[in-house]
Amino acid sequence: MEISGVSSKAYTSAAQGVDEEEKVEEEQSTQKAKEYGVSAKEKEDKDVTEFSSSDYGESDVEEKAQNYLKNILFVGNLTEESQTAIARYMNTFDVSKFIKSYGPFSSTAEVSAAMYAATAGLIKHPQDE
């Protein structure tokens, strides 16, 4: 099926109209930016968040794990047995074994989730008994 009666001039003029409209909008936004004391260059810059792709080292993981266990003990409302078991786990914590079992880790949330998995059986509250 062939379309006839459409000139390339009509298409070209429509495309030019779109280009001119975009230029006008850009000029208006630049003018508004100048009114507010922001340069057009600054206005075009976007916030970019970059995340480190590096994994936590043993010292970082150990620190996060210790903080996790301390927070559990601080919150309290644990049975004496549970407090003793968590303290024993904290004293015998082997960071390299922990990383091999649950890691590698690149965020505190990942370390906390692994610590929850590792210590869930140790945590008991008096009302649970």
N, C-alpha and C. Protein backbone atom coordinates (compact mmCIF):
# COMPACT_ATOMS: atom_id res chain seq x y z
N MET A 1 0.85 -1.17 0.00
CA MET A 1 0.00 0.00 0.00
C MET A 1 0.89 1.23 0.00
N GLU A 2 0.66 2.10 -0.92
CA GLU A 2 1.50 3.28 -1.07
C GLU A 2 0.70 4.52 -0.73
N ILE A 3 1.34 5.42 -0.03
CA ILE A 3 0.69 6.68 0.33
C ILE A 3 1.16 7.71 -0.66
N SER A 4 0.23 8.39 -1.26
CA SER A 4 0.60 9.42 -2.23
C SER A 4 0.02 10.75 -1.80
N GLY A 5 0.54 11.79 -2.34
CA GLY A 5 0.02 13.12 -2.06
C GLY A 5 0.65 13.76 -0.84
N VAL A 6 1.66 13.14 -0.23
CA VAL A 6 2.33 13.73 0.92
C VAL A 6 3.71 14.17 0.46
N SER A 7 3.97 15.43 0.62
CA SER A 7 5.26 15.93 0.17
C SER A 7 6.28 15.87 1.28
N SER A 8 7.51 15.79 0.90
CA SER A 8 8.57 15.77 1.90
C SER A 8 8.69 17.13 2.58
N LYS A 9 8.21 18.17 1.96
CA LYS A 9 8.23 19.50 2.57
C LYS A 9 7.36 19.54 3.82
N ALA A 10 6.20 18.89 3.75
CA ALA A 10 5.30 18.88 4.90
C ALA A 10 5.95 18.17 6.07
N TYR A 11 6.60 17.06 5.80
CA TYR A 11 7.27 16.30 6.85
C TYR A 11 8.42 17.10 7.44
N THR A 12 9.22 17.73 6.59
CA THR A 12 10.36 18.52 7.03
C THR A 12 9.91 19.72 7.86
N SER A 13 8.85 20.38 7.45
CA SER A 13 8.40 21.54 8.21
C SER A 13 7.83 21.12 9.55
N ALA A 14 7.19 19.95 9.62
CA ALA A 14 6.68 19.46 10.91
C ALA A 14 7.84 19.14 11.85
N ALA A 15 8.89 18.53 11.34
CA ALA A 15 10.06 18.21 12.16
C ALA A 15 10.73 19.48 12.64
N GLN A 16 10.81 20.48 11.77
CA GLN A 16 11.41 21.75 12.18
C GLN A 16 10.58 22.42 13.26
N GLY A 17 9.27 22.28 13.19
CA GLY A 17 8.39 22.86 14.20
C GLY A 17 8.64 22.23 15.57
N VAL A 18 8.87 20.94 15.59
CA VAL A 18 9.17 20.25 16.85
C VAL A 18 10.51 20.72 17.39
N ASP A 19 11.52 20.84 16.52
CA ASP A 19 12.83 21.31 16.95
C ASP A 19 12.76 22.72 17.50
N GLU A 20 12.00 23.58 16.85
CA GLU A 20 11.86 24.97 17.31
C GLU A 20 11.15 25.01 18.66
N GLU A 21 10.15 24.16 18.83
CA GLU A 21 9.43 24.11 20.10
C GLU A 21 10.35 23.66 21.23
N GLU A 22 11.22 22.68 20.97
CA GLU A 22 12.17 22.23 21.98
C GLU A 22 13.16 23.32 22.33
N LYS A 23 13.59 24.09 21.33
CA LYS A 23 14.52 25.19 21.60
C LYS A 23 13.87 26.24 22.47
N VAL A 24 12.60 26.56 22.20
CA VAL A 24 11.89 27.56 22.99
C VAL A 24 11.76 27.08 24.43
N GLU A 25 11.41 25.81 24.63
CA GLU A 25 11.29 25.27 25.99
C GLU A 25 12.62 25.31 26.72
N GLU A 26 13.69 25.01 26.02
CA GLU A 26 15.02 25.03 26.64
C GLU A 26 15.41 26.45 27.03
N GLU A 27 15.10 27.42 26.16
CA GLU A 27 15.40 28.81 26.47
C GLU A 27 14.59 29.28 27.68
N GLN A 28 13.33 28.87 27.74
CA GLN A 28 12.49 29.25 28.87
C GLN A 28 13.02 28.67 30.17
N SER A 29 13.44 27.41 30.14
CA SER A 29 13.96 26.80 31.36
C SER A 29 15.28 27.45 31.77
N THR A 30 16.10 27.82 30.80
CA THR A 30 17.35 28.52 31.09
C THR A 30 17.07 29.88 31.71
N GLN A 31 16.05 30.57 31.18
CA GLN A 31 15.68 31.87 31.71
C GLN A 31 15.19 31.74 33.16
N LYS A 32 14.38 30.73 33.42
CA LYS A 32 13.88 30.51 34.78
C LYS A 32 15.03 30.19 35.73
N ALA A 33 15.98 29.40 35.26
CA ALA A 33 17.13 29.05 36.07
C ALA A 33 17.93 30.30 36.42
N LYS A 34 18.09 31.21 35.46
CA LYS A 34 18.83 32.44 35.72
C LYS A 34 18.10 33.32 36.72
N GLU A 35 16.77 33.32 36.65
CA GLU A 35 15.98 34.12 37.58
C GLU A 35 16.20 33.65 39.03
N TYR A 36 16.38 32.37 39.20
CA TYR A 36 16.57 31.82 40.54
C TYR A 36 18.03 31.72 40.92
N GLY A 37 18.92 32.20 40.09
CA GLY A 37 20.34 32.21 40.41
C GLY A 37 21.03 30.88 40.19
N VAL A 38 20.47 30.05 39.37
CA VAL A 38 21.06 28.74 39.08
C VAL A 38 21.50 28.76 37.62
N SER A 39 22.71 28.34 37.39
CA SER A 39 23.15 28.30 36.00
C SER A 39 22.52 27.11 35.29
N ALA A 40 22.42 27.21 33.99
CA ALA A 40 21.82 26.13 33.21
C ALA A 40 22.63 24.85 33.36
N LYS A 41 23.93 24.96 33.52
CA LYS A 41 24.79 23.79 33.69
C LYS A 41 24.44 23.07 34.99
N GLU A 42 24.25 23.84 36.06
CA GLU A 42 23.89 23.23 37.34
C GLU A 42 22.52 22.57 37.27
N LYS A 43 21.61 23.19 36.55
CA LYS A 43 20.25 22.67 36.46
C LYS A 43 20.23 21.32 35.78
N GLU A 44 21.10 21.11 34.82
CA GLU A 44 21.11 19.86 34.08
C GLU A 44 21.76 18.73 34.87
N ASP A 45 22.62 19.05 35.83
CA ASP A 45 23.28 18.01 36.61
C ASP A 45 22.25 17.27 37.44
N LYS A 46 22.39 15.96 37.49
CA LYS A 46 21.46 15.14 38.25
C LYS A 46 22.22 14.50 39.40
N ASP A 47 21.50 14.24 40.48
CA ASP A 47 22.10 13.56 41.61
C ASP A 47 22.41 12.13 41.21
N VAL A 48 23.61 11.72 41.48
CA VAL A 48 24.04 10.37 41.15
C VAL A 48 24.55 9.72 42.43
N THR A 49 24.03 8.56 42.73
CA THR A 49 24.48 7.81 43.88
C THR A 49 25.30 6.63 43.40
N GLU A 50 26.49 6.53 43.91
CA GLU A 50 27.34 5.42 43.53
C GLU A 50 27.55 4.54 44.75
N PHE A 51 27.44 3.25 44.53
CA PHE A 51 27.65 2.29 45.60
C PHE A 51 28.96 1.57 45.36
N SER A 52 29.66 1.37 46.43
CA SER A 52 30.92 0.64 46.33
C SER A 52 30.63 -0.82 46.07
N SER A 53 31.34 -1.38 45.14
CA SER A 53 31.12 -2.79 44.84
C SER A 53 32.10 -3.67 45.61
N SER A 54 32.90 -3.05 46.47
CA SER A 54 33.88 -3.84 47.21
C SER A 54 33.21 -4.55 48.38
N ASP A 55 33.70 -5.74 48.68
CA ASP A 55 33.16 -6.52 49.79
C ASP A 55 33.79 -6.06 51.10
N TYR A 56 33.06 -6.30 52.19
CA TYR A 56 33.59 -5.98 53.51
C TYR A 56 34.74 -6.93 53.83
N GLY A 57 35.75 -6.41 54.49
CA GLY A 57 36.85 -7.23 54.95
C GLY A 57 36.50 -7.89 56.27
N GLU A 58 37.41 -8.72 56.77
CA GLU A 58 37.14 -9.44 58.02
C GLU A 58 36.92 -8.50 59.19
N SER A 59 37.70 -7.42 59.25
CA SER A 59 37.55 -6.49 60.39
C SER A 59 36.19 -5.79 60.34
N ASP A 60 35.73 -5.44 59.14
CA ASP A 60 34.42 -4.80 59.01
C ASP A 60 33.30 -5.75 59.41
N VAL A 61 33.39 -6.99 58.93
CA VAL A 61 32.36 -7.98 59.25
C VAL A 61 32.35 -8.26 60.75
N GLU A 62 33.53 -8.38 61.35
CA GLU A 62 33.60 -8.65 62.78
C GLU A 62 32.98 -7.51 63.58
N GLU A 63 33.27 -6.28 63.18
CA GLU A 63 32.70 -5.12 63.87
C GLU A 63 31.18 -5.11 63.77
N LYS A 64 30.65 -5.36 62.57
CA LYS A 64 29.19 -5.36 62.37
C LYS A 64 28.54 -6.50 63.15
N ALA A 65 29.18 -7.66 63.17
CA ALA A 65 28.64 -8.80 63.91
C ALA A 65 28.62 -8.53 65.41
N GLN A 66 29.71 -7.96 65.92
CA GLN A 66 29.77 -7.62 67.34
C GLN A 66 28.70 -6.59 67.70
N ASN A 67 28.52 -5.59 66.84
CA ASN A 67 27.48 -4.59 67.09
C ASN A 67 26.09 -5.22 67.09
N TYR A 68 25.87 -6.15 66.19
CA TYR A 68 24.57 -6.85 66.13
C TYR A 68 24.31 -7.58 67.45
N LEU A 69 25.30 -8.32 67.91
CA LEU A 69 25.12 -9.08 69.15
C LEU A 69 24.96 -8.16 70.36
N LYS A 70 25.72 -7.07 70.40
CA LYS A 70 25.58 -6.11 71.50
C LYS A 70 24.19 -5.50 71.53
N ASN A 71 23.64 -5.21 70.34
CA ASN A 71 22.29 -4.64 70.28
C ASN A 71 21.26 -5.62 70.80
N ILE A 72 21.42 -6.91 70.49
CA ILE A 72 20.48 -7.92 71.00
C ILE A 72 20.55 -7.97 72.52
N LEU A 73 21.77 -7.96 73.06
CA LEU A 73 21.92 -8.00 74.52
C LEU A 73 21.40 -6.72 75.17
N PHE A 74 21.59 -5.59 74.52
CA PHE A 74 21.15 -4.30 75.07
C PHE A 74 19.63 -4.21 75.12
N VAL A 75 18.98 -4.67 74.07
CA VAL A 75 17.53 -4.61 74.03
C VAL A 75 16.94 -5.38 75.19
N GLY A 76 17.60 -6.46 75.55
CA GLY A 76 17.21 -7.19 76.74
C GLY A 76 16.00 -8.05 76.54
N ASN A 77 15.33 -8.33 77.66
CA ASN A 77 14.16 -9.19 77.68
C ASN A 77 14.50 -10.57 77.12
N LEU A 78 15.70 -11.06 77.47
CA LEU A 78 16.14 -12.39 77.08
C LEU A 78 16.24 -13.26 78.33
N THR A 79 16.12 -14.53 78.14
CA THR A 79 16.32 -15.44 79.26
C THR A 79 17.80 -15.46 79.62
N GLU A 80 18.10 -15.92 80.84
CA GLU A 80 19.50 -16.02 81.27
C GLU A 80 20.28 -16.96 80.36
N GLU A 81 19.67 -18.06 79.99
CA GLU A 81 20.33 -19.01 79.09
C GLU A 81 20.65 -18.37 77.75
N SER A 82 19.72 -17.59 77.24
CA SER A 82 19.91 -16.93 75.95
C SER A 82 21.04 -15.90 76.03
N GLN A 83 21.06 -15.12 77.11
CA GLN A 83 22.13 -14.15 77.28
C GLN A 83 23.49 -14.83 77.35
N THR A 84 23.56 -15.94 78.07
CA THR A 84 24.81 -16.69 78.19
C THR A 84 25.23 -17.26 76.84
N ALA A 85 24.28 -17.80 76.08
CA ALA A 85 24.58 -18.40 74.77
C ALA A 85 25.08 -17.33 73.79
N ILE A 86 24.47 -16.16 73.82
CA ILE A 86 24.89 -15.07 72.93
C ILE A 86 26.27 -14.56 73.32
N ALA A 87 26.51 -14.41 74.62
CA ALA A 87 27.83 -13.97 75.08
C ALA A 87 28.91 -14.98 74.69
N ARG A 88 28.60 -16.28 74.82
CA ARG A 88 29.55 -17.33 74.42
C ARG A 88 29.81 -17.26 72.91
N TYR A 89 28.74 -17.07 72.14
CA TYR A 89 28.88 -16.97 70.67
C TYR A 89 29.75 -15.77 70.31
N MET A 90 29.55 -14.65 71.02
CA MET A 90 30.32 -13.44 70.76
C MET A 90 31.80 -13.67 71.08
N ASN A 91 32.09 -14.39 72.14
CA ASN A 91 33.49 -14.64 72.54
C ASN A 91 34.20 -15.64 71.63
N THR A 92 33.44 -16.54 71.03
CA THR A 92 34.05 -17.56 70.18
C THR A 92 33.79 -17.32 68.70
N PHE A 93 33.37 -16.12 68.36
CA PHE A 93 33.01 -15.79 66.97
C PHE A 93 34.24 -15.92 66.06
N ASP A 94 34.12 -16.72 65.02
CA ASP A 94 35.18 -16.92 64.03
C ASP A 94 34.75 -16.22 62.74
N VAL A 95 35.33 -15.05 62.50
CA VAL A 95 34.89 -14.22 61.38
C VAL A 95 35.17 -14.87 60.03
N SER A 96 36.31 -15.53 59.87
CA SER A 96 36.61 -16.13 58.57
C SER A 96 35.65 -17.28 58.26
N LYS A 97 35.31 -18.07 59.26
CA LYS A 97 34.34 -19.16 59.08
C LYS A 97 32.96 -18.58 58.75
N PHE A 98 32.61 -17.49 59.43
CA PHE A 98 31.33 -16.83 59.21
C PHE A 98 31.23 -16.32 57.77
N ILE A 99 32.30 -15.68 57.28
CA ILE A 99 32.30 -15.16 55.91
C ILE A 99 32.20 -16.31 54.90
N LYS A 100 32.92 -17.40 55.16
CA LYS A 100 32.84 -18.55 54.26
C LYS A 100 31.44 -19.14 54.23
N SER A 101 30.78 -19.17 55.37
CA SER A 101 29.45 -19.77 55.44
C SER A 101 28.36 -18.87 54.87
N TYR A 102 28.44 -17.58 55.14
CA TYR A 102 27.34 -16.68 54.79
C TYR A 102 27.70 -15.58 53.79
N GLY A 103 28.98 -15.35 53.53
CA GLY A 103 29.42 -14.19 52.76
C GLY A 103 29.57 -14.47 51.29
N PRO A 104 30.17 -13.56 50.57
CA PRO A 104 30.77 -12.29 50.99
C PRO A 104 29.70 -11.23 51.26
N PHE A 105 30.10 -10.21 51.98
CA PHE A 105 29.18 -9.15 52.38
C PHE A 105 29.61 -7.81 51.78
N SER A 106 28.62 -7.05 51.34
CA SER A 106 28.93 -5.72 50.82
C SER A 106 28.09 -4.64 51.50
N SER A 107 27.30 -5.02 52.52
CA SER A 107 26.52 -4.03 53.26
C SER A 107 26.27 -4.53 54.68
N THR A 108 25.94 -3.60 55.54
CA THR A 108 25.62 -3.94 56.92
C THR A 108 24.35 -4.77 56.99
N ALA A 109 23.42 -4.50 56.11
CA ALA A 109 22.17 -5.27 56.09
C ALA A 109 22.44 -6.74 55.80
N GLU A 110 23.37 -7.02 54.91
CA GLU A 110 23.71 -8.41 54.60
C GLU A 110 24.34 -9.10 55.82
N VAL A 111 25.20 -8.39 56.53
CA VAL A 111 25.83 -8.95 57.73
C VAL A 111 24.75 -9.20 58.79
N SER A 112 23.84 -8.27 58.97
CA SER A 112 22.78 -8.42 59.97
C SER A 112 21.88 -9.61 59.63
N ALA A 113 21.54 -9.77 58.36
CA ALA A 113 20.70 -10.89 57.96
C ALA A 113 21.40 -12.22 58.24
N ALA A 114 22.68 -12.28 57.96
CA ALA A 114 23.44 -13.51 58.22
C ALA A 114 23.55 -13.76 59.72
N MET A 115 23.74 -12.70 60.50
CA MET A 115 23.81 -12.86 61.96
C MET A 115 22.47 -13.34 62.50
N TYR A 116 21.40 -12.85 61.95
CA TYR A 116 20.08 -13.32 62.38
C TYR A 116 19.95 -14.81 62.10
N ALA A 117 20.38 -15.23 60.91
CA ALA A 117 20.31 -16.65 60.56
C ALA A 117 21.18 -17.49 61.48
N ALA A 118 22.33 -16.98 61.84
CA ALA A 118 23.26 -17.74 62.68
C ALA A 118 22.84 -17.80 64.13
N THR A 119 22.15 -16.78 64.62
CA THR A 119 21.85 -16.71 66.06
C THR A 119 20.37 -16.87 66.40
N ALA A 120 19.55 -17.11 65.43
CA ALA A 120 18.10 -17.18 65.68
C ALA A 120 17.76 -18.23 66.73
N GLY A 121 18.47 -19.34 66.74
CA GLY A 121 18.20 -20.40 67.71
C GLY A 121 18.65 -20.06 69.12
N LEU A 122 19.52 -19.08 69.25
CA LEU A 122 20.04 -18.70 70.58
C LEU A 122 19.13 -17.73 71.30
N ILE A 123 18.28 -17.02 70.58
CA ILE A 123 17.48 -15.94 71.15
C ILE A 123 16.16 -16.49 71.67
N LYS A 124 15.96 -16.36 72.99
CA LYS A 124 14.71 -16.81 73.61
C LYS A 124 14.27 -15.75 74.61
N HIS A 125 12.99 -15.46 74.57
CA HIS A 125 12.41 -14.47 75.48
C HIS A 125 11.63 -15.19 76.58
N PRO A 126 11.55 -14.59 77.77
CA PRO A 126 10.86 -15.25 78.88
C PRO A 126 9.39 -15.60 78.56
N GLN A 127 8.70 -14.78 77.83
CA GLN A 127 7.30 -15.04 77.51
C GLN A 127 7.12 -16.18 76.53
N ASP A 128 8.21 -16.59 75.84
CA ASP A 128 8.15 -17.69 74.90
C ASP A 128 8.20 -19.04 75.60
N GLU A 129 8.64 -19.06 76.84
CA GLU A 129 8.79 -20.33 77.55
C GLU A 129 7.55 -20.76 78.25
